[in-house]
């Protein structure tokens, strides 16, 4: 498996539940198309964790590196999330 880790904070005004629901729907769609093997969405809570890390962490796993390109080829990059 080839993992891809992304740390970020949501833009002001973006609701956490709406983001996580939308991201989950998007990633499940990629899995159905066999463009993504698995994923995990986590959130740093109560200020735990290193201060340089952002609030959210998404781990995407691809069976081969080519899946990464295929996953975002049709939908664009992070703006699709």
C-alpha atoms as a PDB file:
ATOM      1  CA  UNK A   1       0.000   0.000   0.000  1.00  0.00           C
ATOM      2  CA  UNK A   2       1.066   3.556  -0.713  1.00  0.00           C
ATOM      3  CA  UNK A   3      -0.164   5.965   1.982  1.00  0.00           C
ATOM      4  CA  UNK A   4      -0.818   9.669   1.536  1.00  0.00           C
ATOM      5  CA  UNK A   5      -1.144  11.803   4.694  1.00  0.00           C
ATOM      6  CA  UNK A   6      -2.771  15.233   4.712  1.00  0.00           C
ATOM      7  CA  UNK A   7      -3.005  17.579   7.714  1.00  0.00           C
ATOM      8  CA  UNK A   8      -5.165  20.691   7.525  1.00  0.00           C
ATOM      9  CA  UNK A   9      -7.615  22.993   9.294  1.00  0.00           C
ATOM     10  CA  UNK A  10     -11.009  23.879   7.917  1.00  0.00           C
ATOM     11  CA  UNK A  11     -11.645  27.356   6.589  1.00  0.00           C
ATOM     12  CA  UNK A  12     -13.644  29.605   8.860  1.00  0.00           C
ATOM     13  CA  UNK A  13     -17.362  28.935   8.480  1.00  0.00           C
ATOM     14  CA  UNK A  14     -16.982  25.315   7.326  1.00  0.00           C
ATOM     15  CA  UNK A  15     -18.824  23.033   9.745  1.00  0.00           C
ATOM     16  CA  UNK A  16     -16.940  19.955  10.907  1.00  0.00           C
ATOM     17  CA  UNK A  17     -19.867  17.548  10.471  1.00  0.00           C
ATOM     18  CA  UNK A  18     -20.619  18.806   6.961  1.00  0.00           C
ATOM     19  CA  UNK A  19     -16.961  18.433   6.011  1.00  0.00           C
ATOM     20  CA  UNK A  20     -16.586  14.927   7.411  1.00  0.00           C
ATOM     21  CA  UNK A  21     -19.860  13.752   5.831  1.00  0.00           C
ATOM     22  CA  UNK A  22     -18.880  15.204   2.448  1.00  0.00           C
ATOM     23  CA  UNK A  23     -15.348  13.803   2.602  1.00  0.00           C
ATOM     24  CA  UNK A  24     -16.657  10.374   3.577  1.00  0.00           C
ATOM     25  CA  UNK A  25     -19.082  10.400   0.627  1.00  0.00           C
ATOM     26  CA  UNK A  26     -16.293  11.440  -1.753  1.00  0.00           C
ATOM     27  CA  UNK A  27     -13.835   8.819  -0.490  1.00  0.00           C
ATOM     28  CA  UNK A  28     -16.453   6.060  -0.596  1.00  0.00           C
ATOM     29  CA  UNK A  29     -17.134   7.026  -4.219  1.00  0.00           C
ATOM     30  CA  UNK A  30     -13.408   6.713  -4.983  1.00  0.00           C
ATOM     31  CA  UNK A  31     -13.342   3.302  -3.300  1.00  0.00           C
ATOM     32  CA  UNK A  32     -16.297   2.103  -5.389  1.00  0.00           C
ATOM     33  CA  UNK A  33     -14.393   3.136  -8.520  1.00  0.00           C
ATOM     34  CA  UNK A  34     -11.278   1.319  -7.242  1.00  0.00           C
ATOM     35  CA  UNK A  35      -9.328   4.583  -7.220  1.00  0.00           C
ATOM     36  CA  UNK A  36      -8.717   4.363  -3.458  1.00  0.00           C
ATOM     37  CA  UNK A  37      -8.035   1.318  -1.297  1.00  0.00           C
ATOM     38  CA  UNK A  38      -8.949   2.775   2.095  1.00  0.00           C
ATOM     39  CA  UNK A  39      -9.025   6.021   4.071  1.00  0.00           C
ATOM     40  CA  UNK A  40      -9.227   7.370   7.580  1.00  0.00           C
ATOM     41  CA  UNK A  41     -10.403  10.797   8.759  1.00  0.00           C
ATOM     42  CA  UNK A  42      -9.279  11.898  12.210  1.00  0.00           C
ATOM     43  CA  UNK A  43      -9.426  15.110  14.176  1.00  0.00           C
ATOM     44  CA  UNK A  44      -7.157  16.444  16.889  1.00  0.00           C
ATOM     45  CA  UNK A  45      -9.311  17.101  19.938  1.00  0.00           C
ATOM     46  CA  UNK A  46      -8.929  19.161  23.092  1.00  0.00           C
ATOM     47  CA  UNK A  47      -5.633  20.609  21.871  1.00  0.00           C
ATOM     48  CA  UNK A  48      -3.836  17.264  22.169  1.00  0.00           C
ATOM     49  CA  UNK A  49      -0.988  16.731  19.752  1.00  0.00           C
ATOM     50  CA  UNK A  50       1.959  18.761  18.590  1.00  0.00           C
ATOM     51  CA  UNK A  51       1.078  22.465  18.148  1.00  0.00           C
ATOM     52  CA  UNK A  52       2.505  22.534  14.618  1.00  0.00           C
ATOM     53  CA  UNK A  53      -0.061  19.973  13.425  1.00  0.00           C
ATOM     54  CA  UNK A  54      -3.349  21.154  11.995  1.00  0.00           C
ATOM     55  CA  UNK A  55      -6.737  20.068  13.410  1.00  0.00           C
ATOM     56  CA  UNK A  56      -7.591  17.414  10.813  1.00  0.00           C
ATOM     57  CA  UNK A  57      -5.687  14.425   9.438  1.00  0.00           C
ATOM     58  CA  UNK A  58      -6.738  12.337   6.441  1.00  0.00           C
ATOM     59  CA  UNK A  59      -4.856   9.196   5.528  1.00  0.00           C
ATOM     60  CA  UNK A  60      -5.506   7.815   2.067  1.00  0.00           C
ATOM     61  CA  UNK A  61      -4.108   4.428   1.041  1.00  0.00           C
ATOM     62  CA  UNK A  62      -3.629   3.400  -2.547  1.00  0.00           C
ATOM     63  CA  UNK A  63      -2.773  -0.058  -3.823  1.00  0.00           C
ATOM     64  CA  UNK A  64      -0.353   1.511  -6.320  1.00  0.00           C
ATOM     65  CA  UNK A  65       0.869   5.086  -6.791  1.00  0.00           C
ATOM     66  CA  UNK A  66      -1.015   5.351 -10.100  1.00  0.00           C
ATOM     67  CA  UNK A  67      -4.300   5.243  -8.152  1.00  0.00           C
ATOM     68  CA  UNK A  68      -3.412   8.568  -6.536  1.00  0.00           C
ATOM     69  CA  UNK A  69      -3.308  10.290  -9.913  1.00  0.00           C
ATOM     70  CA  UNK A  70      -6.468   8.533 -11.052  1.00  0.00           C
ATOM     71  CA  UNK A  71      -8.305   9.512  -7.866  1.00  0.00           C
ATOM     72  CA  UNK A  72      -7.871  13.224  -8.485  1.00  0.00           C
ATOM     73  CA  UNK A  73      -7.574  13.277 -12.272  1.00  0.00           C
ATOM     74  CA  UNK A  74     -11.301  13.639 -12.884  1.00  0.00           C
ATOM     75  CA  UNK A  75     -12.211  15.667  -9.808  1.00  0.00           C
ATOM     76  CA  UNK A  76      -9.325  18.062  -9.286  1.00  0.00           C
ATOM     77  CA  UNK A  77      -7.138  18.294  -6.215  1.00  0.00           C
ATOM     78  CA  UNK A  78      -8.007  19.255  -2.641  1.00  0.00           C
ATOM     79  CA  UNK A  79     -10.734  21.662  -3.749  1.00  0.00           C
ATOM     80  CA  UNK A  80     -12.892  18.581  -4.488  1.00  0.00           C
ATOM     81  CA  UNK A  81     -12.954  17.852  -0.779  1.00  0.00           C
END
